[in-house]
Amino acid sequence: MNRFLLIFLVLPGLAQACFSPPERHFTAIDRLYYQIDKIVLAEAIEEKPSFKAQGMAKFTFKTKEVLKGESGKEKFSLDGFLYETGPIDFSRHEDVVFWANSYVGNFVAPGDCKVYGKFTVGETYLLIMGIDHPKAFEVVRSTEDRWYKTVKFMAQSHK
């Protein structure tokens, strides 16, 4: 009876674990473009702790610019994790490490086969909505940022 109870308690936890990242996390954004609902440049303006996962929070963003999709709400929320030391912008996304590896970015993969952004209130992010991808939460501190310019070019090219 004790073995049965132990198996019953352990199996749900194992069923939720993700032992390797899904293939979609390694796909280039330009190949996923038509699956993307919306792309915005938005500032993180508020963080509230969440009880979904340890360290997770609900972040409120204020839209600064819509690159793809309908304008919609000026403010919206996303689940993410607090980036206590401040997000890395990969030298305005000029660093070859960012471009050479599709599984590098401003994200956390807590084991549920999804990625979540790491955010700091006061920072501005290029948020790619509607896809689960490591490059969907990049900090952008200037319109001269290479990632911002690349995604903006893609959005304008597909109109």
C-alpha atoms as a PDB file:
ATOM      1  CA  MET A   1       0.000   0.000   0.000  1.00  0.00           C
ATOM      2  CA  ASN A   2       2.829   2.426   0.850  1.00  0.00           C
ATOM      3  CA  ARG A   3       4.517   1.776  -2.498  1.00  0.00           C
ATOM      4  CA  PHE A   4       1.287   2.488  -4.346  1.00  0.00           C
ATOM      5  CA  LEU A   5       0.824   5.756  -2.430  1.00  0.00           C
ATOM      6  CA  LEU A   6       4.428   6.799  -3.140  1.00  0.00           C
ATOM      7  CA  ILE A   7       4.046   6.097  -6.875  1.00  0.00           C
ATOM      8  CA  PHE A   8       0.728   7.947  -6.928  1.00  0.00           C
ATOM      9  CA  LEU A   9       2.350  11.026  -5.330  1.00  0.00           C
ATOM     10  CA  VAL A  10       5.519  11.007  -7.469  1.00  0.00           C
ATOM     11  CA  LEU A  11       4.017  10.414 -10.929  1.00  0.00           C
ATOM     12  CA  PRO A  12       2.176  13.760 -11.304  1.00  0.00           C
ATOM     13  CA  GLY A  13       5.432  15.615 -10.617  1.00  0.00           C
ATOM     14  CA  LEU A  14       7.313  13.561 -13.192  1.00  0.00           C
ATOM     15  CA  ALA A  15       4.587  14.095 -15.770  1.00  0.00           C
ATOM     16  CA  GLN A  16       5.102  17.852 -15.518  1.00  0.00           C
ATOM     17  CA  ALA A  17       8.875  17.768 -15.863  1.00  0.00           C
ATOM     18  CA  CYS A  18      10.565  18.648 -19.112  1.00  0.00           C
ATOM     19  CA  PHE A  19      13.754  16.700 -19.623  1.00  0.00           C
ATOM     20  CA  SER A  20      14.918  18.517 -22.765  1.00  0.00           C
ATOM     21  CA  PRO A  21      13.852  21.780 -24.402  1.00  0.00           C
ATOM     22  CA  PRO A  22      11.204  21.476 -27.127  1.00  0.00           C
ATOM     23  CA  GLU A  23      12.350  21.758 -30.733  1.00  0.00           C
ATOM     24  CA  ARG A  24      10.438  25.070 -31.156  1.00  0.00           C
ATOM     25  CA  HIS A  25      12.893  26.750 -28.775  1.00  0.00           C
ATOM     26  CA  PHE A  26      15.681  26.242 -31.315  1.00  0.00           C
ATOM     27  CA  THR A  27      13.790  27.583 -34.346  1.00  0.00           C
ATOM     28  CA  ALA A  28      14.864  30.960 -35.740  1.00  0.00           C
ATOM     29  CA  ILE A  29      12.359  33.772 -35.217  1.00  0.00           C
ATOM     30  CA  ASP A  30      12.072  34.480 -38.949  1.00  0.00           C
ATOM     31  CA  ARG A  31      10.787  30.916 -39.435  1.00  0.00           C
ATOM     32  CA  LEU A  32       8.181  31.457 -36.702  1.00  0.00           C
ATOM     33  CA  TYR A  33       7.117  34.944 -37.814  1.00  0.00           C
ATOM     34  CA  TYR A  34       3.641  33.985 -39.042  1.00  0.00           C
ATOM     35  CA  GLN A  35       2.836  32.327 -35.704  1.00  0.00           C
ATOM     36  CA  ILE A  36       3.543  35.567 -33.854  1.00  0.00           C
ATOM     37  CA  ASP A  37       0.422  37.469 -32.750  1.00  0.00           C
ATOM     38  CA  LYS A  38       2.009  40.680 -31.644  1.00  0.00           C
ATOM     39  CA  ILE A  39       5.400  42.325 -31.163  1.00  0.00           C
ATOM     40  CA  VAL A  40       5.723  45.295 -28.831  1.00  0.00           C
ATOM     41  CA  LEU A  41       8.343  47.463 -27.247  1.00  0.00           C
ATOM     42  CA  ALA A  42       7.142  47.870 -23.658  1.00  0.00           C
ATOM     43  CA  GLU A  43       8.410  49.040 -20.296  1.00  0.00           C
ATOM     44  CA  ALA A  44       8.054  46.875 -17.188  1.00  0.00           C
ATOM     45  CA  ILE A  45       6.233  49.163 -14.746  1.00  0.00           C
ATOM     46  CA  GLU A  46       5.149  46.852 -11.920  1.00  0.00           C
ATOM     47  CA  GLU A  47       5.967  43.470 -10.404  1.00  0.00           C
ATOM     48  CA  LYS A  48       3.714  41.422  -8.124  1.00  0.00           C
ATOM     49  CA  PRO A  49       4.768  38.071  -6.666  1.00  0.00           C
ATOM     50  CA  SER A  50       2.936  35.047  -8.021  1.00  0.00           C
ATOM     51  CA  PHE A  51       2.415  31.692  -6.412  1.00  0.00           C
ATOM     52  CA  LYS A  52       2.534  29.681  -9.670  1.00  0.00           C
ATOM     53  CA  ALA A  53       6.218  28.842  -9.213  1.00  0.00           C
ATOM     54  CA  GLN A  54       8.937  29.856  -6.799  1.00  0.00           C
ATOM     55  CA  GLY A  55      10.428  33.153  -7.897  1.00  0.00           C
ATOM     56  CA  MET A  56       7.723  33.797 -10.492  1.00  0.00           C
ATOM     57  CA  ALA A  57       5.964  37.164 -10.613  1.00  0.00           C
ATOM     58  CA  LYS A  58       3.299  38.898 -12.667  1.00  0.00           C
ATOM     59  CA  PHE A  59       4.772  41.905 -14.455  1.00  0.00           C
ATOM     60  CA  THR A  60       2.726  44.795 -15.797  1.00  0.00           C
ATOM     61  CA  PHE A  61       4.019  46.454 -18.957  1.00  0.00           C
ATOM     62  CA  LYS A  62       3.213  49.742 -20.640  1.00  0.00           C
ATOM     63  CA  THR A  63       3.373  49.638 -24.440  1.00  0.00           C
ATOM     64  CA  LYS A  64       5.733  52.144 -26.057  1.00  0.00           C
ATOM     65  CA  GLU A  65       5.538  50.891 -29.663  1.00  0.00           C
ATOM     66  CA  VAL A  66       3.637  48.173 -31.533  1.00  0.00           C
ATOM     67  CA  LEU A  67       5.762  46.554 -34.246  1.00  0.00           C
ATOM     68  CA  LYS A  68       3.240  43.883 -35.253  1.00  0.00           C
ATOM     69  CA  GLY A  69      -0.432  43.345 -34.458  1.00  0.00           C
ATOM     70  CA  GLU A  70      -3.257  45.521 -33.259  1.00  0.00           C
ATOM     71  CA  SER A  71      -2.549  48.400 -30.899  1.00  0.00           C
ATOM     72  CA  GLY A  72      -4.954  47.054 -28.253  1.00  0.00           C
ATOM     73  CA  LYS A  73      -4.317  47.675 -24.581  1.00  0.00           C
ATOM     74  CA  GLU A  74      -1.708  50.167 -23.494  1.00  0.00           C
ATOM     75  CA  LYS A  75      -1.008  48.062 -20.374  1.00  0.00           C
ATOM     76  CA  PHE A  76      -0.821  44.268 -20.135  1.00  0.00           C
ATOM     77  CA  SER A  77       0.626  41.595 -17.851  1.00  0.00           C
ATOM     78  CA  LEU A  78       2.974  38.644 -18.320  1.00  0.00           C
ATOM     79  CA  ASP A  79       4.285  35.978 -15.983  1.00  0.00           C
ATOM     80  CA  GLY A  80       8.033  36.075 -15.607  1.00  0.00           C
ATOM     81  CA  PHE A  81      10.906  36.019 -13.169  1.00  0.00           C
ATOM     82  CA  LEU A  82      12.623  38.920 -11.436  1.00  0.00           C
ATOM     83  CA  TYR A  83      16.046  39.691 -12.887  1.00  0.00           C
ATOM     84  CA  GLU A  84      17.658  41.011  -9.735  1.00  0.00           C
ATOM     85  CA  THR A  85      21.018  41.978 -11.224  1.00  0.00           C
ATOM     86  CA  GLY A  86      19.509  43.618 -14.303  1.00  0.00           C
ATOM     87  CA  PRO A  87      18.975  42.075 -17.709  1.00  0.00           C
ATOM     88  CA  ILE A  88      21.793  41.580 -20.177  1.00  0.00           C
ATOM     89  CA  ASP A  89      21.403  43.249 -23.570  1.00  0.00           C
ATOM     90  CA  PHE A  90      24.327  41.382 -25.193  1.00  0.00           C
ATOM     91  CA  SER A  91      26.074  44.709 -25.984  1.00  0.00           C
ATOM     92  CA  ARG A  92      22.936  46.076 -27.687  1.00  0.00           C
ATOM     93  CA  HIS A  93      22.569  42.622 -29.249  1.00  0.00           C
ATOM     94  CA  GLU A  94      25.808  42.976 -31.195  1.00  0.00           C
ATOM     95  CA  ASP A  95      27.409  40.049 -29.317  1.00  0.00           C
ATOM     96  CA  VAL A  96      27.865  37.026 -31.598  1.00  0.00           C
ATOM     97  CA  VAL A  97      26.830  34.701 -28.733  1.00  0.00           C
ATOM     98  CA  PHE A  98      23.264  36.015 -28.975  1.00  0.00           C
ATOM     99  CA  TRP A  99      23.077  35.379 -32.737  1.00  0.00           C
ATOM    100  CA  ALA A 100      24.988  32.095 -32.852  1.00  0.00           C
ATOM    101  CA  ASN A 101      22.828  30.211 -30.358  1.00  0.00           C
ATOM    102  CA  SER A 102      19.027  30.298 -30.568  1.00  0.00           C
ATOM    103  CA  TYR A 103      18.803  29.075 -26.957  1.00  0.00           C
ATOM    104  CA  VAL A 104      20.473  32.209 -25.561  1.00  0.00           C
ATOM    105  CA  GLY A 105      18.395  35.124 -24.349  1.00  0.00           C
ATOM    106  CA  ASN A 106      16.713  36.874 -21.464  1.00  0.00           C
ATOM    107  CA  PHE A 107      14.689  33.906 -20.199  1.00  0.00           C
ATOM    108  CA  VAL A 108      14.257  31.185 -17.584  1.00  0.00           C
ATOM    109  CA  ALA A 109      13.220  27.611 -18.398  1.00  0.00           C
ATOM    110  CA  PRO A 110      11.973  26.250 -15.039  1.00  0.00           C
ATOM    111  CA  GLY A 111      11.306  22.695 -16.244  1.00  0.00           C
ATOM    112  CA  ASP A 112       7.746  22.900 -17.569  1.00  0.00           C
ATOM    113  CA  CYS A 113       8.844  22.975 -21.253  1.00  0.00           C
ATOM    114  CA  LYS A 114       8.088  26.708 -21.474  1.00  0.00           C
ATOM    115  CA  VAL A 115      10.295  29.760 -21.322  1.00  0.00           C
ATOM    116  CA  TYR A 116       9.566  32.874 -19.268  1.00  0.00           C
ATOM    117  CA  GLY A 117      11.186  36.276 -19.454  1.00  0.00           C
ATOM    118  CA  LYS A 118      13.426  37.699 -16.764  1.00  0.00           C
ATOM    119  CA  PHE A 119      12.367  41.275 -16.062  1.00  0.00           C
ATOM    120  CA  THR A 120      13.371  44.313 -14.038  1.00  0.00           C
ATOM    121  CA  VAL A 121      10.889  47.109 -13.381  1.00  0.00           C
ATOM    122  CA  GLY A 122      11.984  50.241 -15.235  1.00  0.00           C
ATOM    123  CA  GLU A 123      13.610  48.393 -18.164  1.00  0.00           C
ATOM    124  CA  THR A 124      12.174  48.270 -21.694  1.00  0.00           C
ATOM    125  CA  TYR A 125      11.721  44.968 -23.529  1.00  0.00           C
ATOM    126  CA  LEU A 126      11.022  43.804 -27.060  1.00  0.00           C
ATOM    127  CA  LEU A 127       8.271  41.275 -26.370  1.00  0.00           C
ATOM    128  CA  ILE A 128       7.256  38.760 -29.020  1.00  0.00           C
ATOM    129  CA  MET A 129       3.787  37.527 -28.104  1.00  0.00           C
ATOM    130  CA  GLY A 130       2.051  34.352 -29.200  1.00  0.00           C
ATOM    131  CA  ILE A 131       5.115  32.096 -29.295  1.00  0.00           C
ATOM    132  CA  ASP A 132       7.085  30.230 -26.665  1.00  0.00           C
ATOM    133  CA  HIS A 133      10.672  31.147 -27.596  1.00  0.00           C
ATOM    134  CA  PRO A 134      13.899  32.105 -25.781  1.00  0.00           C
ATOM    135  CA  LYS A 135      14.325  35.325 -27.782  1.00  0.00           C
ATOM    136  CA  ALA A 136      10.817  36.652 -27.026  1.00  0.00           C
ATOM    137  CA  PHE A 137      11.821  38.772 -23.976  1.00  0.00           C
ATOM    138  CA  GLU A 138      14.865  40.823 -24.896  1.00  0.00           C
ATOM    139  CA  VAL A 139      15.793  44.033 -23.094  1.00  0.00           C
ATOM    140  CA  VAL A 140      16.190  46.968 -25.492  1.00  0.00           C
ATOM    141  CA  ARG A 141      17.759  50.163 -24.221  1.00  0.00           C
ATOM    142  CA  SER A 142      18.020  52.020 -27.548  1.00  0.00           C
ATOM    143  CA  THR A 143      16.416  52.059 -30.970  1.00  0.00           C
ATOM    144  CA  GLU A 144      19.963  51.423 -32.220  1.00  0.00           C
ATOM    145  CA  ASP A 145      19.840  47.958 -30.642  1.00  0.00           C
ATOM    146  CA  ARG A 146      20.500  45.325 -33.321  1.00  0.00           C
ATOM    147  CA  TRP A 147      17.704  42.968 -32.169  1.00  0.00           C
ATOM    148  CA  TYR A 148      15.175  45.832 -32.171  1.00  0.00           C
ATOM    149  CA  LYS A 149      16.247  46.921 -35.667  1.00  0.00           C
ATOM    150  CA  THR A 150      16.155  43.326 -36.985  1.00  0.00           C
ATOM    151  CA  VAL A 151      12.685  42.546 -35.617  1.00  0.00           C
ATOM    152  CA  LYS A 152      11.356  45.949 -36.751  1.00  0.00           C
ATOM    153  CA  PHE A 153      12.711  45.275 -40.249  1.00  0.00           C
ATOM    154  CA  MET A 154      11.012  41.857 -40.294  1.00  0.00           C
ATOM    155  CA  ALA A 155       7.715  43.432 -39.196  1.00  0.00           C
ATOM    156  CA  GLN A 156       7.900  46.115 -41.893  1.00  0.00           C
ATOM    157  CA  SER A 157       8.918  43.600 -44.580  1.00  0.00           C
ATOM    158  CA  HIS A 158       5.896  41.372 -43.888  1.00  0.00           C
ATOM    159  CA  LYS A 159       3.222  44.094 -44.102  1.00  0.00           C
END
